[in-house]
Amino acid sequence: MNQKINNIIIASIWFINGLFCKVLNAVPRHEQIVSKILGEDYSRPLTIIIGILEITMAFWILSNKATKFNTITQIVIIASMNILEFIITPELLFWGKLNALFALVLIVVIYCNHYHINKTHHELI
């Protein structure tokens, strides 16, 4: 696969999770996770804000601007979210603690997409 297709797939993950799972609340489990980690009082507005930020991430990926910073930001966000969820709310995760494995796979894909796909051997050294 080439980097452009990978960017579309990665951006789609952010967009779908942001819009459908959080903003539109199609997957209420996401708001429950926010509620348990950040508190119940403002869990709905915070979930919507997180969703909007995820949608923004999708557009940032597609913009091809500041790609190195974008890649690092994605990795830090995914790792942070999944560590918190692994520790605080594993019972609310779709695959339980196994979610961490899927997060790791996504992190590796994002890393490789930026640092290895479409790079010549010389650029990698």
PDB file of N, CA and C in Angstrom:
ATOM      1  N   MET A   1       0.838  -1.185   0.000  1.00  0.00           N
ATOM      2  CA  MET A   1       0.000   0.000   0.000  1.00  0.00           C
ATOM      3  C   MET A   1       0.883   1.247   0.000  1.00  0.00           C
ATOM      4  N   ASN A   2       0.369   2.302  -0.551  1.00  0.00           N
ATOM      5  CA  ASN A   2       1.165   3.517  -0.511  1.00  0.00           C
ATOM      6  C   ASN A   2       0.702   4.427   0.630  1.00  0.00           C
ATOM      7  N   GLN A   3       1.489   5.439   0.879  1.00  0.00           N
ATOM      8  CA  GLN A   3       1.267   6.312   2.024  1.00  0.00           C
ATOM      9  C   GLN A   3      -0.070   7.056   1.937  1.00  0.00           C
ATOM     10  N   LYS A   4      -0.466   7.461   0.747  1.00  0.00           N
ATOM     11  CA  LYS A   4      -1.718   8.200   0.594  1.00  0.00           C
ATOM     12  C   LYS A   4      -2.919   7.334   0.989  1.00  0.00           C
ATOM     13  N   ILE A   5      -2.936   6.094   0.537  1.00  0.00           N
ATOM     14  CA  ILE A   5      -4.025   5.176   0.900  1.00  0.00           C
ATOM     15  C   ILE A   5      -4.005   4.912   2.406  1.00  0.00           C
ATOM     16  N   ASN A   6      -2.820   4.691   2.958  1.00  0.00           N
ATOM     17  CA  ASN A   6      -2.705   4.471   4.404  1.00  0.00           C
ATOM     18  C   ASN A   6      -3.220   5.673   5.178  1.00  0.00           C
ATOM     19  N   ASN A   7      -2.892   6.888   4.705  1.00  0.00           N
ATOM     20  CA  ASN A   7      -3.379   8.094   5.378  1.00  0.00           C
ATOM     21  C   ASN A   7      -4.906   8.153   5.370  1.00  0.00           C
ATOM     22  N   ILE A   8      -5.509   7.767   4.270  1.00  0.00           N
ATOM     23  CA  ILE A   8      -6.978   7.765   4.174  1.00  0.00           C
ATOM     24  C   ILE A   8      -7.569   6.758   5.162  1.00  0.00           C
ATOM     25  N   ILE A   9      -6.963   5.592   5.253  1.00  0.00           N
ATOM     26  CA  ILE A   9      -7.455   4.559   6.182  1.00  0.00           C
ATOM     27  C   ILE A   9      -7.292   5.026   7.628  1.00  0.00           C
ATOM     28  N   ILE A  10      -6.119   5.558   7.958  1.00  0.00           N
ATOM     29  CA  ILE A  10      -5.875   6.033   9.328  1.00  0.00           C
ATOM     30  C   ILE A  10      -6.807   7.191   9.661  1.00  0.00           C
ATOM     31  N   ALA A  11      -6.959   8.135   8.744  1.00  0.00           N
ATOM     32  CA  ALA A  11      -7.872   9.264   8.964  1.00  0.00           C
ATOM     33  C   ALA A  11      -9.308   8.772   9.146  1.00  0.00           C
ATOM     34  N   SER A  12      -9.696   7.741   8.411  1.00  0.00           N
ATOM     35  CA  SER A  12     -11.043   7.180   8.537  1.00  0.00           C
ATOM     36  C   SER A  12     -11.286   6.622   9.932  1.00  0.00           C
ATOM     37  N   ILE A  13     -10.273   5.994  10.498  1.00  0.00           N
ATOM     38  CA  ILE A  13     -10.392   5.458  11.864  1.00  0.00           C
ATOM     39  C   ILE A  13     -10.687   6.600  12.834  1.00  0.00           C
ATOM     40  N   TRP A  14      -9.912   7.691  12.733  1.00  0.00           N
ATOM     41  CA  TRP A  14     -10.127   8.847  13.612  1.00  0.00           C
ATOM     42  C   TRP A  14     -11.511   9.451  13.370  1.00  0.00           C
ATOM     43  N   PHE A  15     -11.889   9.620  12.097  1.00  0.00           N
ATOM     44  CA  PHE A  15     -13.157  10.258  11.746  1.00  0.00           C
ATOM     45  C   PHE A  15     -14.344   9.446  12.256  1.00  0.00           C
ATOM     46  N   ILE A  16     -14.333   8.151  11.994  1.00  0.00           N
ATOM     47  CA  ILE A  16     -15.444   7.280  12.406  1.00  0.00           C
ATOM     48  C   ILE A  16     -15.565   7.246  13.923  1.00  0.00           C
ATOM     49  N   ASN A  17     -14.432   7.085  14.608  1.00  0.00           N
ATOM     50  CA  ASN A  17     -14.474   7.068  16.073  1.00  0.00           C
ATOM     51  C   ASN A  17     -14.948   8.404  16.627  1.00  0.00           C
ATOM     52  N   GLY A  18     -14.492   9.493  16.030  1.00  0.00           N
ATOM     53  CA  GLY A  18     -14.889  10.808  16.508  1.00  0.00           C
ATOM     54  C   GLY A  18     -16.356  11.114  16.261  1.00  0.00           C
ATOM     55  N   LEU A  19     -16.785  10.958  15.010  1.00  0.00           N
ATOM     56  CA  LEU A  19     -18.156  11.330  14.660  1.00  0.00           C
ATOM     57  C   LEU A  19     -19.189  10.344  15.201  1.00  0.00           C
ATOM     58  N   PHE A  20     -19.069   9.094  14.824  1.00  0.00           N
ATOM     59  CA  PHE A  20     -20.102   8.127  15.155  1.00  0.00           C
ATOM     60  C   PHE A  20     -20.046   7.657  16.614  1.00  0.00           C
ATOM     61  N   CYS A  21     -18.854   7.318  17.079  1.00  0.00           N
ATOM     62  CA  CYS A  21     -18.747   6.754  18.424  1.00  0.00           C
ATOM     63  C   CYS A  21     -18.883   7.808  19.514  1.00  0.00           C
ATOM     64  N   LYS A  22     -18.430   9.027  19.239  1.00  0.00           N
ATOM     65  CA  LYS A  22     -18.426  10.036  20.298  1.00  0.00           C
ATOM     66  C   LYS A  22     -19.450  11.141  20.076  1.00  0.00           C
ATOM     67  N   VAL A  23     -19.367  11.884  18.979  1.00  0.00           N
ATOM     68  CA  VAL A  23     -20.277  13.016  18.763  1.00  0.00           C
ATOM     69  C   VAL A  23     -21.723  12.529  18.651  1.00  0.00           C
ATOM     70  N   LEU A  24     -21.973  11.529  17.816  1.00  0.00           N
ATOM     71  CA  LEU A  24     -23.337  11.029  17.627  1.00  0.00           C
ATOM     72  C   LEU A  24     -23.744   9.992  18.678  1.00  0.00           C
ATOM     73  N   ASN A  25     -22.811   9.589  19.517  1.00  0.00           N
ATOM     74  CA  ASN A  25     -23.055   8.654  20.627  1.00  0.00           C
ATOM     75  C   ASN A  25     -23.630   7.320  20.154  1.00  0.00           C
ATOM     76  N   ALA A  26     -23.188   6.864  18.978  1.00  0.00           N
ATOM     77  CA  ALA A  26     -23.648   5.576  18.451  1.00  0.00           C
ATOM     78  C   ALA A  26     -23.096   4.407  19.269  1.00  0.00           C
ATOM     79  N   VAL A  27     -22.020   4.681  19.996  1.00  0.00           N
ATOM     80  CA  VAL A  27     -21.421   3.658  20.868  1.00  0.00           C
ATOM     81  C   VAL A  27     -21.323   4.265  22.272  1.00  0.00           C
ATOM     82  N   PRO A  28     -22.395   4.135  23.076  1.00  0.00           N
ATOM     83  CA  PRO A  28     -22.445   4.774  24.396  1.00  0.00           C
ATOM     84  C   PRO A  28     -21.299   4.384  25.336  1.00  0.00           C
ATOM     85  N   ARG A  29     -20.675   3.261  25.057  1.00  0.00           N
ATOM     86  CA  ARG A  29     -19.548   2.805  25.869  1.00  0.00           C
ATOM     87  C   ARG A  29     -18.443   3.858  25.924  1.00  0.00           C
ATOM     88  N   HIS A  30     -18.273   4.629  24.851  1.00  0.00           N
ATOM     89  CA  HIS A  30     -17.232   5.655  24.818  1.00  0.00           C
ATOM     90  C   HIS A  30     -17.512   6.733  25.863  1.00  0.00           C
ATOM     91  N   GLU A  31     -18.761   7.158  25.973  1.00  0.00           N
ATOM     92  CA  GLU A  31     -19.108   8.141  26.993  1.00  0.00           C
ATOM     93  C   GLU A  31     -18.964   7.556  28.400  1.00  0.00           C
ATOM     94  N   GLN A  32     -19.269   6.280  28.558  1.00  0.00           N
ATOM     95  CA  GLN A  32     -19.092   5.629  29.864  1.00  0.00           C
ATOM     96  C   GLN A  32     -17.624   5.633  30.273  1.00  0.00           C
ATOM     97  N   ILE A  33     -16.733   5.410  29.309  1.00  0.00           N
ATOM     98  CA  ILE A  33     -15.293   5.435  29.577  1.00  0.00           C
ATOM     99  C   ILE A  33     -14.878   6.840  30.015  1.00  0.00           C
ATOM    100  N   VAL A  34     -15.333   7.854  29.280  1.00  0.00           N
ATOM    101  CA  VAL A  34     -15.029   9.245  29.640  1.00  0.00           C
ATOM    102  C   VAL A  34     -15.564   9.551  31.032  1.00  0.00           C
ATOM    103  N   SER A  35     -16.770   9.109  31.312  1.00  0.00           N
ATOM    104  CA  SER A  35     -17.402   9.341  32.610  1.00  0.00           C
ATOM    105  C   SER A  35     -16.590   8.735  33.752  1.00  0.00           C
ATOM    106  N   LYS A  36     -16.122   7.532  33.541  1.00  0.00           N
ATOM    107  CA  LYS A  36     -15.367   6.850  34.599  1.00  0.00           C
ATOM    108  C   LYS A  36     -13.984   7.474  34.806  1.00  0.00           C
ATOM    109  N   ILE A  37     -13.364   7.960  33.726  1.00  0.00           N
ATOM    110  CA  ILE A  37     -12.013   8.532  33.822  1.00  0.00           C
ATOM    111  C   ILE A  37     -12.057   9.998  34.246  1.00  0.00           C
ATOM    112  N   LEU A  38     -12.962  10.790  33.658  1.00  0.00           N
ATOM    113  CA  LEU A  38     -12.963  12.237  33.893  1.00  0.00           C
ATOM    114  C   LEU A  38     -14.106  12.728  34.775  1.00  0.00           C
ATOM    115  N   GLY A  39     -15.035  11.854  35.119  1.00  0.00           N
ATOM    116  CA  GLY A  39     -16.154  12.248  35.966  1.00  0.00           C
ATOM    117  C   GLY A  39     -17.453  12.320  35.199  1.00  0.00           C
ATOM    118  N   GLU A  40     -18.521  12.051  35.920  1.00  0.00           N
ATOM    119  CA  GLU A  40     -19.837  11.928  35.310  1.00  0.00           C
ATOM    120  C   GLU A  40     -20.475  13.274  34.941  1.00  0.00           C
ATOM    121  N   ASP A  41     -20.168  14.314  35.703  1.00  0.00           N
ATOM    122  CA  ASP A  41     -20.854  15.604  35.541  1.00  0.00           C
ATOM    123  C   ASP A  41     -20.795  16.158  34.124  1.00  0.00           C
ATOM    124  N   TYR A  42     -19.658  16.076  33.501  1.00  0.00           N
ATOM    125  CA  TYR A  42     -19.482  16.669  32.175  1.00  0.00           C
ATOM    126  C   TYR A  42     -19.092  15.639  31.119  1.00  0.00           C
ATOM    127  N   SER A  43     -19.446  14.387  31.344  1.00  0.00           N
ATOM    128  CA  SER A  43     -18.993  13.331  30.430  1.00  0.00           C
ATOM    129  C   SER A  43     -19.535  13.510  29.013  1.00  0.00           C
ATOM    130  N   ARG A  44     -20.782  13.938  28.855  1.00  0.00           N
ATOM    131  CA  ARG A  44     -21.323  14.102  27.494  1.00  0.00           C
ATOM    132  C   ARG A  44     -20.613  15.221  26.739  1.00  0.00           C
ATOM    133  N   PRO A  45     -20.513  16.444  27.304  1.00  0.00           N
ATOM    134  CA  PRO A  45     -19.797  17.486  26.559  1.00  0.00           C
ATOM    135  C   PRO A  45     -18.323  17.139  26.330  1.00  0.00           C
ATOM    136  N   LEU A  46     -17.687  16.503  27.302  1.00  0.00           N
ATOM    137  CA  LEU A  46     -16.283  16.115  27.119  1.00  0.00           C
ATOM    138  C   LEU A  46     -16.149  15.065  26.023  1.00  0.00           C
ATOM    139  N   THR A  47     -17.091  14.139  25.949  1.00  0.00           N
ATOM    140  CA  THR A  47     -17.066  13.121  24.896  1.00  0.00           C
ATOM    141  C   THR A  47     -17.235  13.778  23.526  1.00  0.00           C
ATOM    142  N   ILE A  48     -18.104  14.757  23.429  1.00  0.00           N
ATOM    143  CA  ILE A  48     -18.295  15.473  22.163  1.00  0.00           C
ATOM    144  C   ILE A  48     -17.014  16.226  21.786  1.00  0.00           C
ATOM    145  N   ILE A  49     -16.394  16.891  22.766  1.00  0.00           N
ATOM    146  CA  ILE A  49     -15.134  17.605  22.492  1.00  0.00           C
ATOM    147  C   ILE A  49     -14.059  16.633  22.016  1.00  0.00           C
ATOM    148  N   ILE A  50     -13.937  15.496  22.677  1.00  0.00           N
ATOM    149  CA  ILE A  50     -12.961  14.481  22.255  1.00  0.00           C
ATOM    150  C   ILE A  50     -13.273  14.030  20.827  1.00  0.00           C
ATOM    151  N   GLY A  51     -14.552  13.815  20.527  1.00  0.00           N
ATOM    152  CA  GLY A  51     -14.956  13.416  19.180  1.00  0.00           C
ATOM    153  C   GLY A  51     -14.593  14.461  18.138  1.00  0.00           C
ATOM    154  N   ILE A  52     -14.841  15.722  18.447  1.00  0.00           N
ATOM    155  CA  ILE A  52     -14.492  16.807  17.518  1.00  0.00           C
ATOM    156  C   ILE A  52     -12.979  16.855  17.308  1.00  0.00           C
ATOM    157  N   LEU A  53     -12.222  16.645  18.372  1.00  0.00           N
ATOM    158  CA  LEU A  53     -10.756  16.615  18.247  1.00  0.00           C
ATOM    159  C   LEU A  53     -10.301  15.433  17.387  1.00  0.00           C
ATOM    160  N   GLU A  54     -10.981  14.296  17.516  1.00  0.00           N
ATOM    161  CA  GLU A  54     -10.643  13.143  16.675  1.00  0.00           C
ATOM    162  C   GLU A  54     -10.971  13.414  15.204  1.00  0.00           C
ATOM    163  N   ILE A  55     -12.088  14.081  14.949  1.00  0.00           N
ATOM    164  CA  ILE A  55     -12.442  14.462  13.576  1.00  0.00           C
ATOM    165  C   ILE A  55     -11.395  15.436  13.030  1.00  0.00           C
ATOM    166  N   THR A  56     -10.973  16.372  13.866  1.00  0.00           N
ATOM    167  CA  THR A  56      -9.926  17.321  13.477  1.00  0.00           C
ATOM    168  C   THR A  56      -8.629  16.588  13.140  1.00  0.00           C
ATOM    169  N   MET A  57      -8.304  15.570  13.919  1.00  0.00           N
ATOM    170  CA  MET A  57      -7.114  14.767  13.641  1.00  0.00           C
ATOM    171  C   MET A  57      -7.217  14.138  12.253  1.00  0.00           C
ATOM    172  N   ALA A  58      -8.392  13.641  11.901  1.00  0.00           N
ATOM    173  CA  ALA A  58      -8.583  13.031  10.581  1.00  0.00           C
ATOM    174  C   ALA A  58      -8.263  14.029   9.467  1.00  0.00           C
ATOM    175  N   PHE A  59      -8.772  15.243   9.605  1.00  0.00           N
ATOM    176  CA  PHE A  59      -8.505  16.268   8.582  1.00  0.00           C
ATOM    177  C   PHE A  59      -7.037  16.691   8.587  1.00  0.00           C
ATOM    178  N   TRP A  60      -6.429  16.725   9.767  1.00  0.00           N
ATOM    179  CA  TRP A  60      -5.001  17.060   9.853  1.00  0.00           C
ATOM    180  C   TRP A  60      -4.183  16.013   9.100  1.00  0.00           C
ATOM    181  N   ILE A  61      -4.493  14.745   9.293  1.00  0.00           N
ATOM    182  CA  ILE A  61      -3.780  13.665   8.590  1.00  0.00           C
ATOM    183  C   ILE A  61      -3.907  13.866   7.077  1.00  0.00           C
ATOM    184  N   LEU A  62      -5.119  14.131   6.621  1.00  0.00           N
ATOM    185  CA  LEU A  62      -5.360  14.293   5.184  1.00  0.00           C
ATOM    186  C   LEU A  62      -4.731  15.562   4.612  1.00  0.00           C
ATOM    187  N   SER A  63      -4.485  16.551   5.466  1.00  0.00           N
ATOM    188  CA  SER A  63      -3.884  17.809   4.999  1.00  0.00           C
ATOM    189  C   SER A  63      -2.414  17.655   4.631  1.00  0.00           C
ATOM    190  N   ASN A  64      -1.772  16.625   5.180  1.00  0.00           N
ATOM    191  CA  ASN A  64      -0.339  16.391   4.960  1.00  0.00           C
ATOM    192  C   ASN A  64       0.529  17.530   5.495  1.00  0.00           C
ATOM    193  N   LYS A  65       0.053  18.238   6.489  1.00  0.00           N
ATOM    194  CA  LYS A  65       0.805  19.334   7.117  1.00  0.00           C
ATOM    195  C   LYS A  65       1.450  18.827   8.397  1.00  0.00           C
ATOM    196  N   ALA A  66       2.674  19.246   8.641  1.00  0.00           N
ATOM    197  CA  ALA A  66       3.408  18.898   9.868  1.00  0.00           C
ATOM    198  C   ALA A  66       3.287  17.400  10.159  1.00  0.00           C
ATOM    199  N   THR A  67       3.624  16.587   9.168  1.00  0.00           N
ATOM    200  CA  THR A  67       3.381  15.141   9.258  1.00  0.00           C
ATOM    201  C   THR A  67       4.158  14.456  10.390  1.00  0.00           C
ATOM    202  N   LYS A  68       5.371  14.905  10.624  1.00  0.00           N
ATOM    203  CA  LYS A  68       6.143  14.295  11.714  1.00  0.00           C
ATOM    204  C   LYS A  68       5.483  14.586  13.059  1.00  0.00           C
ATOM    205  N   PHE A  69       5.100  15.845  13.287  1.00  0.00           N
ATOM    206  CA  PHE A  69       4.432  16.216  14.526  1.00  0.00           C
ATOM    207  C   PHE A  69       3.085  15.511  14.636  1.00  0.00           C
ATOM    208  N   ASN A  70       2.384  15.379  13.516  1.00  0.00           N
ATOM    209  CA  ASN A  70       1.105  14.682  13.495  1.00  0.00           C
ATOM    210  C   ASN A  70       1.278  13.221  13.898  1.00  0.00           C
ATOM    211  N   THR A  71       2.285  12.578  13.339  1.00  0.00           N
ATOM    212  CA  THR A  71       2.554  11.170  13.654  1.00  0.00           C
ATOM    213  C   THR A  71       2.850  10.993  15.134  1.00  0.00           C
ATOM    214  N   ILE A  72       3.708  11.841  15.663  1.00  0.00           N
ATOM    215  CA  ILE A  72       4.055  11.763  17.087  1.00  0.00           C
ATOM    216  C   ILE A  72       2.820  12.024  17.953  1.00  0.00           C
ATOM    217  N   THR A  73       2.027  13.011  17.563  1.00  0.00           N
ATOM    218  CA  THR A  73       0.808  13.343  18.313  1.00  0.00           C
ATOM    219  C   THR A  73      -0.157  12.157  18.337  1.00  0.00           C
ATOM    220  N   GLN A  74      -0.360  11.530  17.186  1.00  0.00           N
ATOM    221  CA  GLN A  74      -1.247  10.361  17.130  1.00  0.00           C
ATOM    222  C   GLN A  74      -0.764   9.252  18.055  1.00  0.00           C
ATOM    223  N   ILE A  75       0.521   8.971  17.991  1.00  0.00           N
ATOM    224  CA  ILE A  75       1.087   7.885  18.804  1.00  0.00           C
ATOM    225  C   ILE A  75       0.925   8.185  20.287  1.00  0.00           C
ATOM    226  N   VAL A  76       1.228   9.406  20.696  1.00  0.00           N
ATOM    227  CA  VAL A  76       1.106   9.788  22.116  1.00  0.00           C
ATOM    228  C   VAL A  76      -0.353   9.706  22.569  1.00  0.00           C
ATOM    229  N   ILE A  77      -1.277  10.201  21.745  1.00  0.00           N
ATOM    230  CA  ILE A  77      -2.700  10.167  22.108  1.00  0.00           C
ATOM    231  C   ILE A  77      -3.203   8.730  22.226  1.00  0.00           C
ATOM    232  N   ILE A  78      -2.901   7.909  21.235  1.00  0.00           N
ATOM    233  CA  ILE A  78      -3.372   6.518  21.260  1.00  0.00           C
ATOM    234  C   ILE A  78      -2.781   5.772  22.448  1.00  0.00           C
ATOM    235  N   ALA A  79      -1.486   5.944  22.677  1.00  0.00           N
ATOM    236  CA  ALA A  79      -0.840   5.259  23.809  1.00  0.00           C
ATOM    237  C   ALA A  79      -1.430   5.738  25.134  1.00  0.00           C
ATOM    238  N   SER A  80      -1.571   7.047  25.296  1.00  0.00           N
ATOM    239  CA  SER A  80      -2.103   7.602  26.549  1.00  0.00           C
ATOM    240  C   SER A  80      -3.528   7.125  26.814  1.00  0.00           C
ATOM    241  N   MET A  81      -4.388   7.248  25.799  1.00  0.00           N
ATOM    242  CA  MET A  81      -5.784   6.829  25.964  1.00  0.00           C
ATOM    243  C   MET A  81      -5.866   5.349  26.337  1.00  0.00           C
ATOM    244  N   ASN A  82      -5.086   4.542  25.661  1.00  0.00           N
ATOM    245  CA  ASN A  82      -5.187   3.109  25.895  1.00  0.00           C
ATOM    246  C   ASN A  82      -4.572   2.676  27.219  1.00  0.00           C
ATOM    247  N   ILE A  83      -3.542   3.360  27.663  1.00  0.00           N
ATOM    248  CA  ILE A  83      -2.980   3.054  28.984  1.00  0.00           C
ATOM    249  C   ILE A  83      -4.004   3.392  30.064  1.00  0.00           C
ATOM    250  N   LEU A  84      -4.613   4.583  29.964  1.00  0.00           N
ATOM    251  CA  LEU A  84      -5.650   4.973  30.935  1.00  0.00           C
ATOM    252  C   LEU A  84      -6.810   3.982  30.933  1.00  0.00           C
ATOM    253  N   GLU A  85      -7.293   3.644  29.749  1.00  0.00           N
ATOM    254  CA  GLU A  85      -8.419   2.717  29.646  1.00  0.00           C
ATOM    255  C   GLU A  85      -8.042   1.324  30.154  1.00  0.00           C
ATOM    256  N   PHE A  86      -6.840   0.881  29.868  1.00  0.00           N
ATOM    257  CA  PHE A  86      -6.364  -0.432  30.313  1.00  0.00           C
ATOM    258  C   PHE A  86      -6.376  -0.508  31.837  1.00  0.00           C
ATOM    259  N   ILE A  87      -5.948   0.582  32.487  1.00  0.00           N
ATOM    260  CA  ILE A  87      -5.829   0.608  33.942  1.00  0.00           C
ATOM    261  C   ILE A  87      -7.176   0.888  34.614  1.00  0.00           C
ATOM    262  N   ILE A  88      -7.929   1.870  34.088  1.00  0.00           N
ATOM    263  CA  ILE A  88      -9.118   2.360  34.791  1.00  0.00           C
ATOM    264  C   ILE A  88     -10.412   1.697  34.344  1.00  0.00           C
ATOM    265  N   THR A  89     -10.550   1.406  33.054  1.00  0.00           N
ATOM    266  CA  THR A  89     -11.848   0.919  32.548  1.00  0.00           C
ATOM    267  C   THR A  89     -11.748  -0.310  31.643  1.00  0.00           C
ATOM    268  N   PRO A  90     -10.941  -1.304  31.981  1.00  0.00           N
ATOM    269  CA  PRO A  90     -10.823  -2.449  31.061  1.00  0.00           C
ATOM    270  C   PRO A  90     -12.150  -3.160  30.815  1.00  0.00           C
ATOM    271  N   GLU A  91     -13.059  -3.115  31.792  1.00  0.00           N
ATOM    272  CA  GLU A  91     -14.352  -3.789  31.640  1.00  0.00           C
ATOM    273  C   GLU A  91     -15.256  -3.125  30.595  1.00  0.00           C
ATOM    274  N   LEU A  92     -14.939  -1.872  30.235  1.00  0.00           N
ATOM    275  CA  LEU A  92     -15.754  -1.157  29.243  1.00  0.00           C
ATOM    276  C   LEU A  92     -15.190  -1.253  27.827  1.00  0.00           C
ATOM    277  N   LEU A  93     -14.001  -1.799  27.700  1.00  0.00           N
ATOM    278  CA  LEU A  93     -13.363  -1.905  26.385  1.00  0.00           C
ATOM    279  C   LEU A  93     -13.966  -3.054  25.593  1.00  0.00           C
ATOM    280  N   PHE A  94     -14.102  -2.855  24.294  1.00  0.00           N
ATOM    281  CA  PHE A  94     -14.726  -3.850  23.429  1.00  0.00           C
ATOM    282  C   PHE A  94     -14.043  -5.206  23.553  1.00  0.00           C
ATOM    283  N   TRP A  95     -12.713  -5.215  23.533  1.00  0.00           N
ATOM    284  CA  TRP A  95     -11.960  -6.463  23.661  1.00  0.00           C
ATOM    285  C   TRP A  95     -11.263  -6.557  25.020  1.00  0.00           C
ATOM    286  N   GLY A  96     -11.716  -5.813  25.985  1.00  0.00           N
ATOM    287  CA  GLY A  96     -11.094  -5.838  27.305  1.00  0.00           C
ATOM    288  C   GLY A  96      -9.647  -5.377  27.222  1.00  0.00           C
ATOM    289  N   LYS A  97      -8.797  -6.009  28.000  1.00  0.00           N
ATOM    290  CA  LYS A  97      -7.385  -5.623  28.017  1.00  0.00           C
ATOM    291  C   LYS A  97      -6.680  -5.936  26.696  1.00  0.00           C
ATOM    292  N   LEU A  98      -7.298  -6.779  25.880  1.00  0.00           N
ATOM    293  CA  LEU A  98      -6.737  -7.095  24.565  1.00  0.00           C
ATOM    294  C   LEU A  98      -6.769  -5.865  23.639  1.00  0.00           C
ATOM    295  N   ASN A  99      -7.565  -4.865  23.981  1.00  0.00           N
ATOM    296  CA  ASN A  99      -7.592  -3.610  23.214  1.00  0.00           C
ATOM    297  C   ASN A  99      -6.192  -3.019  23.093  1.00  0.00           C
ATOM    298  N   ALA A 100      -5.381  -3.209  24.118  1.00  0.00           N
ATOM    299  CA  ALA A 100      -4.017  -2.669  24.113  1.00  0.00           C
ATOM    300  C   ALA A 100      -3.221  -3.228  22.935  1.00  0.00           C
ATOM    301  N   LEU A 101      -3.447  -4.473  22.589  1.00  0.00           N
ATOM    302  CA  LEU A 101      -2.758  -5.086  21.445  1.00  0.00           C
ATOM    303  C   LEU A 101      -3.165  -4.392  20.142  1.00  0.00           C
ATOM    304  N   PHE A 102      -4.463  -4.139  19.971  1.00  0.00           N
ATOM    305  CA  PHE A 102      -4.936  -3.456  18.764  1.00  0.00           C
ATOM    306  C   PHE A 102      -4.397  -2.031  18.697  1.00  0.00           C
ATOM    307  N   ALA A 103      -4.310  -1.377  19.851  1.00  0.00           N
ATOM    308  CA  ALA A 103      -3.735  -0.031  19.900  1.00  0.00           C
ATOM    309  C   ALA A 103      -2.269  -0.068  19.487  1.00  0.00           C
ATOM    310  N   LEU A 104      -1.544  -1.061  19.959  1.00  0.00           N
ATOM    311  CA  LEU A 104      -0.134  -1.198  19.602  1.00  0.00           C
ATOM    312  C   LEU A 104       0.023  -1.427  18.095  1.00  0.00           C
ATOM    313  N   VAL A 105      -0.825  -2.251  17.525  1.00  0.00           N
ATOM    314  CA  VAL A 105      -0.782  -2.494  16.077  1.00  0.00           C
ATOM    315  C   VAL A 105      -1.030  -1.185  15.324  1.00  0.00           C
ATOM    316  N   LEU A 106      -2.028  -0.407  15.763  1.00  0.00           N
ATOM    317  CA  LEU A 106      -2.320   0.866  15.108  1.00  0.00           C
ATOM    318  C   LEU A 106      -1.134   1.826  15.243  1.00  0.00           C
ATOM    319  N   ILE A 107      -0.508   1.860  16.402  1.00  0.00           N
ATOM    320  CA  ILE A 107       0.668   2.711  16.610  1.00  0.00           C
ATOM    321  C   ILE A 107       1.791   2.312  15.654  1.00  0.00           C
ATOM    322  N   VAL A 108       2.032   1.026  15.503  1.00  0.00           N
ATOM    323  CA  VAL A 108       3.078   0.543  14.593  1.00  0.00           C
ATOM    324  C   VAL A 108       2.737   0.918  13.147  1.00  0.00           C
ATOM    325  N   VAL A 109       1.478   0.765  12.758  1.00  0.00           N
ATOM    326  CA  VAL A 109       1.058   1.128  11.399  1.00  0.00           C
ATOM    327  C   VAL A 109       1.276   2.620  11.158  1.00  0.00           C
ATOM    328  N   ILE A 110       0.880   3.457  12.117  1.00  0.00           N
ATOM    329  CA  ILE A 110       1.053   4.908  11.981  1.00  0.00           C
ATOM    330  C   ILE A 110       2.538   5.255  11.888  1.00  0.00           C
ATOM    331  N   TYR A 111       3.344   4.650  12.745  1.00  0.00           N
ATOM    332  CA  TYR A 111       4.794   4.894  12.741  1.00  0.00           C
ATOM    333  C   TYR A 111       5.403   4.482  11.393  1.00  0.00           C
ATOM    334  N   CYS A 112       5.114   3.278  10.970  1.00  0.00           N
ATOM    335  CA  CYS A 112       5.674   2.779   9.701  1.00  0.00           C
ATOM    336  C   CYS A 112       5.183   3.589   8.514  1.00  0.00           C
ATOM    337  N   ASN A 113       3.929   4.001   8.557  1.00  0.00           N
ATOM    338  CA  ASN A 113       3.383   4.799   7.453  1.00  0.00           C
ATOM    339  C   ASN A 113       4.166   6.099   7.288  1.00  0.00           C
ATOM    340  N   HIS A 114       4.537   6.712   8.376  1.00  0.00           N
ATOM    341  CA  HIS A 114       5.269   7.974   8.259  1.00  0.00           C
ATOM    342  C   HIS A 114       6.762   7.759   8.013  1.00  0.00           C
ATOM    343  N   TYR A 115       7.369   6.839   8.745  1.00  0.00           N
ATOM    344  CA  TYR A 115       8.824   6.725   8.725  1.00  0.00           C
ATOM    345  C   TYR A 115       9.377   5.709   7.741  1.00  0.00           C
ATOM    346  N   HIS A 116       8.541   4.814   7.199  1.00  0.00           N
ATOM    347  CA  HIS A 116       9.081   3.761   6.339  1.00  0.00           C
ATOM    348  C   HIS A 116       8.427   3.620   4.974  1.00  0.00           C
ATOM    349  N   ILE A 117       7.141   3.869   4.868  1.00  0.00           N
ATOM    350  CA  ILE A 117       6.458   3.705   3.585  1.00  0.00           C
ATOM    351  C   ILE A 117       6.968   4.762   2.599  1.00  0.00           C
ATOM    352  N   ASN A 118       7.248   4.335   1.382  1.00  0.00           N
ATOM    353  CA  ASN A 118       7.703   5.215   0.302  1.00  0.00           C
ATOM    354  C   ASN A 118       9.037   5.906   0.589  1.00  0.00           C
ATOM    355  N   LYS A 119       9.823   5.364   1.460  1.00  0.00           N
ATOM    356  CA  LYS A 119      11.152   5.921   1.729  1.00  0.00           C
ATOM    357  C   LYS A 119      12.180   5.024   1.046  1.00  0.00           C
ATOM    358  N   THR A 120      13.206   5.625   0.510  1.00  0.00           N
ATOM    359  CA  THR A 120      14.270   4.826  -0.086  1.00  0.00           C
ATOM    360  C   THR A 120      15.178   4.331   1.026  1.00  0.00           C
ATOM    361  N   HIS A 121      15.988   3.364   0.713  1.00  0.00           N
ATOM    362  CA  HIS A 121      16.928   2.826   1.703  1.00  0.00           C
ATOM    363  C   HIS A 121      17.835   3.944   2.226  1.00  0.00           C
ATOM    364  N   HIS A 122      18.276   4.822   1.349  1.00  0.00           N
ATOM    365  CA  HIS A 122      19.139   5.913   1.749  1.00  0.00           C
ATOM    366  C   HIS A 122      18.474   6.833   2.766  1.00  0.00           C
ATOM    367  N   GLU A 123      17.158   7.095   2.596  1.00  0.00           N
ATOM    368  CA  GLU A 123      16.446   7.965   3.514  1.00  0.00           C
ATOM    369  C   GLU A 123      16.287   7.340   4.894  1.00  0.00           C
ATOM    370  N   LEU A 124      16.295   6.020   4.961  1.00  0.00           N
ATOM    371  CA  LEU A 124      16.105   5.321   6.234  1.00  0.00           C
ATOM    372  C   LEU A 124      17.388   5.287   7.080  1.00  0.00           C
ATOM    373  N   ILE A 125      18.525   5.458   6.445  1.00  0.00           N
ATOM    374  CA  ILE A 125      19.810   5.380   7.156  1.00  0.00           C
ATOM    375  C   ILE A 125      20.138   6.675   7.831  1.00  0.00           C
TER     376      ILE A 125
END
